[in-house]
């Protein structure tokens, strides 16, 4: 149970649903208001399927690439650190916002906004660290996805109700927590590499 909760929390922080609200709303501007919730539900379900498939196939991909556990943990820590820094100190140059002139399908809402490179890399790390716990990791991915899906499904309402400043403050806090997680992952990879 601890593995499920810790993995789900890490993945939830990486998915960053509150930080994704503004870019989701931008991507949905061209969609008819009557279809927005349907489009959101479809894209979020597609993202879940991609996340689960990648979690299952991630270890095989690492085997083909001959990536070792210490290298993966260290690289994963660096990637998460960069994501956390971007969450705490966003700039227009680092924004993933992409204007769409038609109804989005898979790109950009499902991939990369929800099931993005950072989430998929995190899943590979989790699968490699706990290869014999795949059912628990699948449960953790679904558990992380569920609150993200709820938040993003109601993104329009949350943006109006909570306000942009509150959402920004929460995103910064999530970034700070992710810095701690990424530092632990990086140090663990270096410790394993040097045999400490």
Protein backbone atom coordinates (compact mmCIF):
# COMPACT_ATOMS: atom_id res chain seq x y z
CA UNK A 1 0.00 0.00 0.00
CA UNK A 2 2.90 2.35 0.76
CA UNK A 3 4.31 1.76 -2.72
CA UNK A 4 0.97 2.60 -4.33
CA UNK A 5 0.55 5.83 -2.36
CA UNK A 6 4.14 7.05 -2.77
CA UNK A 7 4.19 6.23 -6.50
CA UNK A 8 0.77 7.82 -7.02
CA UNK A 9 1.81 11.00 -5.20
CA UNK A 10 5.03 11.31 -7.21
CA UNK A 11 3.18 10.78 -10.48
CA UNK A 12 0.44 13.22 -9.44
CA UNK A 13 3.05 15.91 -8.79
CA UNK A 14 4.67 15.25 -12.16
CA UNK A 15 1.32 15.37 -13.97
CA UNK A 16 0.81 18.85 -12.45
CA UNK A 17 -2.94 19.20 -13.15
CA UNK A 18 -3.28 22.68 -11.62
CA UNK A 19 -0.41 23.97 -13.73
CA UNK A 20 -2.05 22.45 -16.82
CA UNK A 21 -5.37 24.27 -16.36
CA UNK A 22 -4.37 27.42 -18.30
CA UNK A 23 -2.89 25.49 -21.23
CA UNK A 24 -5.90 23.16 -21.35
CA UNK A 25 -8.21 26.17 -21.53
CA UNK A 26 -6.10 27.70 -24.30
CA UNK A 27 -6.18 24.47 -26.32
CA UNK A 28 -9.98 24.27 -25.97
CA UNK A 29 -10.75 27.82 -27.10
CA UNK A 30 -11.65 26.74 -30.63
CA UNK A 31 -13.93 23.93 -29.39
CA UNK A 32 -17.67 24.51 -29.23
CA UNK A 33 -18.60 25.09 -25.53
CA UNK A 34 -21.20 22.34 -25.73
CA UNK A 35 -18.54 19.78 -26.69
CA UNK A 36 -15.72 20.81 -24.35
CA UNK A 37 -16.55 18.39 -21.53
CA UNK A 38 -16.93 15.52 -23.98
CA UNK A 39 -13.58 16.34 -25.59
CA UNK A 40 -11.93 16.61 -22.16
CA UNK A 41 -13.31 13.23 -21.05
CA UNK A 42 -12.14 11.57 -24.28
CA UNK A 43 -8.64 13.05 -24.13
CA UNK A 44 -8.16 12.21 -20.46
CA UNK A 45 -9.20 8.59 -21.06
CA UNK A 46 -6.77 8.35 -24.00
CA UNK A 47 -4.02 9.73 -21.74
CA UNK A 48 -4.76 7.05 -19.13
CA UNK A 49 -4.52 4.28 -21.74
CA UNK A 50 -1.18 5.66 -22.97
CA UNK A 51 0.15 5.90 -19.41
CA UNK A 52 -0.85 2.32 -18.56
CA UNK A 53 0.56 0.95 -21.83
CA UNK A 54 3.84 2.80 -21.31
CA UNK A 55 4.10 1.57 -17.73
CA UNK A 56 3.74 -2.03 -18.91
CA UNK A 57 6.17 -1.68 -21.84
CA UNK A 58 8.69 0.63 -20.14
CA UNK A 59 10.98 -2.08 -18.73
CA UNK A 60 11.21 -3.82 -22.10
CA UNK A 61 12.23 -0.51 -23.67
CA UNK A 62 14.99 -0.09 -21.11
CA UNK A 63 16.19 -3.63 -21.78
CA UNK A 64 16.49 -2.90 -25.49
CA UNK A 65 18.43 0.29 -24.76
CA UNK A 66 20.65 -1.44 -22.11
CA UNK A 67 19.98 1.29 -19.53
CA UNK A 68 21.07 0.42 -15.97
CA UNK A 69 19.08 1.19 -12.83
CA UNK A 70 21.58 3.74 -11.40
CA UNK A 71 21.70 5.62 -14.72
CA UNK A 72 17.91 5.65 -14.93
CA UNK A 73 17.46 6.83 -11.35
CA UNK A 74 20.04 9.61 -11.78
CA UNK A 75 18.59 10.75 -15.10
CA UNK A 76 15.07 10.56 -13.68
CA UNK A 77 16.12 12.71 -10.74
CA UNK A 78 17.59 15.31 -13.09
CA UNK A 79 14.47 15.31 -15.28
CA UNK A 80 12.18 15.71 -12.29
CA UNK A 81 14.41 18.48 -10.95
CA UNK A 82 14.10 20.40 -14.22
CA UNK A 83 10.32 19.92 -14.18
CA UNK A 84 10.14 21.13 -10.58
CA UNK A 85 12.25 24.20 -11.37
CA UNK A 86 9.98 25.01 -14.32
CA UNK A 87 6.95 24.66 -12.04
CA UNK A 88 8.43 27.07 -9.50
CA UNK A 89 9.93 29.53 -11.98
CA UNK A 90 7.93 29.38 -15.23
CA UNK A 91 8.89 31.58 -18.17
CA UNK A 92 7.15 32.16 -21.51
CA UNK A 93 10.03 30.34 -23.23
CA UNK A 94 9.42 27.21 -21.13
CA UNK A 95 5.67 27.16 -21.65
CA UNK A 96 4.14 24.16 -23.37
CA UNK A 97 1.13 26.19 -24.49
CA UNK A 98 0.13 25.36 -28.02
CA UNK A 99 -2.64 27.20 -29.87
CA UNK A 100 -5.05 24.97 -31.73
CA UNK A 101 -7.53 26.10 -34.35
CA UNK A 102 -9.67 22.96 -34.30
CA UNK A 103 -10.87 20.30 -31.90
CA UNK A 104 -7.81 18.60 -30.37
CA UNK A 105 -7.48 14.85 -30.79
CA UNK A 106 -4.74 13.10 -28.78
CA UNK A 107 -2.36 16.01 -29.43
CA UNK A 108 -1.92 18.22 -27.43
CA UNK A 109 -4.31 17.39 -24.55
CA UNK A 110 -3.70 13.65 -24.12
CA UNK A 111 -0.06 13.91 -25.27
CA UNK A 112 1.99 15.86 -24.21
CA UNK A 113 -0.12 17.89 -21.75
CA UNK A 114 -1.30 14.90 -19.68
CA UNK A 115 0.76 11.84 -20.64
CA UNK A 116 3.85 13.89 -21.35
CA UNK A 117 7.53 12.92 -21.45
CA UNK A 118 8.02 13.61 -17.75
CA UNK A 119 5.12 11.38 -16.68
CA UNK A 120 6.20 8.57 -19.01
CA UNK A 121 9.83 8.80 -17.85
CA UNK A 122 8.65 8.65 -14.24
CA UNK A 123 6.65 5.52 -15.03
CA UNK A 124 9.68 3.84 -16.58
CA UNK A 125 11.69 4.62 -13.44
CA UNK A 126 8.98 3.18 -11.20
CA UNK A 127 8.67 0.04 -13.33
CA UNK A 128 12.43 -0.49 -13.27
CA UNK A 129 12.68 0.03 -9.52
CA UNK A 130 9.81 -2.37 -8.75
CA UNK A 131 9.66 -4.88 -11.62
CA UNK A 132 7.74 -7.45 -9.56
CA UNK A 133 5.05 -5.00 -8.42
CA UNK A 134 3.38 -4.21 -11.75
CA UNK A 135 -0.23 -4.57 -10.49
CA UNK A 136 0.51 -2.10 -7.68
CA UNK A 137 2.19 0.32 -10.10
CA UNK A 138 -0.78 0.14 -12.46
CA UNK A 139 -3.03 0.92 -9.50
CA UNK A 140 -0.75 3.84 -8.57
CA UNK A 141 -0.89 5.25 -12.11
CA UNK A 142 -4.69 5.03 -12.11
CA UNK A 143 -4.81 6.57 -8.63
CA UNK A 144 -2.62 9.49 -9.74
CA UNK A 145 -4.63 9.95 -12.95
CA UNK A 146 -8.04 10.07 -11.24
CA UNK A 147 -7.66 13.35 -9.30
CA UNK A 148 -5.80 14.86 -12.27
CA UNK A 149 -8.67 13.92 -14.55
CA UNK A 150 -11.23 15.42 -12.15
CA UNK A 151 -9.24 18.65 -11.82
CA UNK A 152 -8.73 19.00 -15.58
CA UNK A 153 -12.30 17.99 -16.41
CA UNK A 154 -13.52 20.90 -14.29
CA UNK A 155 -10.64 23.18 -15.33
CA UNK A 156 -12.92 25.96 -16.56
CA UNK A 157 -14.87 26.08 -13.31
CA UNK A 158 -11.75 25.86 -11.15
CA UNK A 159 -10.04 28.66 -13.06
CA UNK A 160 -13.02 30.95 -12.47
CA UNK A 161 -13.65 29.86 -8.88
CA UNK A 162 -10.12 29.67 -7.43
CA UNK A 163 -8.47 32.30 -9.57
CA UNK A 164 -5.14 32.25 -11.37
CA UNK A 165 -3.12 33.45 -8.38
CA UNK A 166 -4.26 30.60 -6.14
CA UNK A 167 -3.57 28.01 -8.84
CA UNK A 168 -0.11 29.49 -9.38
CA UNK A 169 0.67 29.37 -5.65
CA UNK A 170 -0.36 25.70 -5.42
CA UNK A 171 1.74 24.86 -8.48
CA UNK A 172 4.79 26.47 -6.84
CA UNK A 173 4.20 24.39 -3.69
CA UNK A 174 3.94 21.21 -5.76
CA UNK A 175 7.20 22.17 -7.46
CA UNK A 176 8.94 22.48 -4.10
CA UNK A 177 7.78 19.00 -3.06
CA UNK A 178 8.93 17.61 -6.39
CA UNK A 179 12.41 19.10 -5.85
CA UNK A 180 12.73 17.00 -2.69
CA UNK A 181 11.55 13.84 -4.48
CA UNK A 182 13.89 14.42 -7.42
CA UNK A 183 16.88 15.08 -5.14
CA UNK A 184 16.27 11.80 -3.31
CA UNK A 185 16.00 9.95 -6.64
CA UNK A 186 19.22 11.51 -7.94
CA UNK A 187 21.15 10.76 -4.74
CA UNK A 188 19.86 7.18 -4.75
CA UNK A 189 21.07 6.68 -8.32
CA UNK A 190 24.51 8.09 -7.52
CA UNK A 191 24.75 5.95 -4.37
CA UNK A 192 23.94 2.79 -6.34
CA UNK A 193 26.41 3.73 -9.09
CA UNK A 194 29.29 4.29 -6.67
CA UNK A 195 28.25 1.34 -4.47
CA UNK A 196 27.94 3.42 -1.31
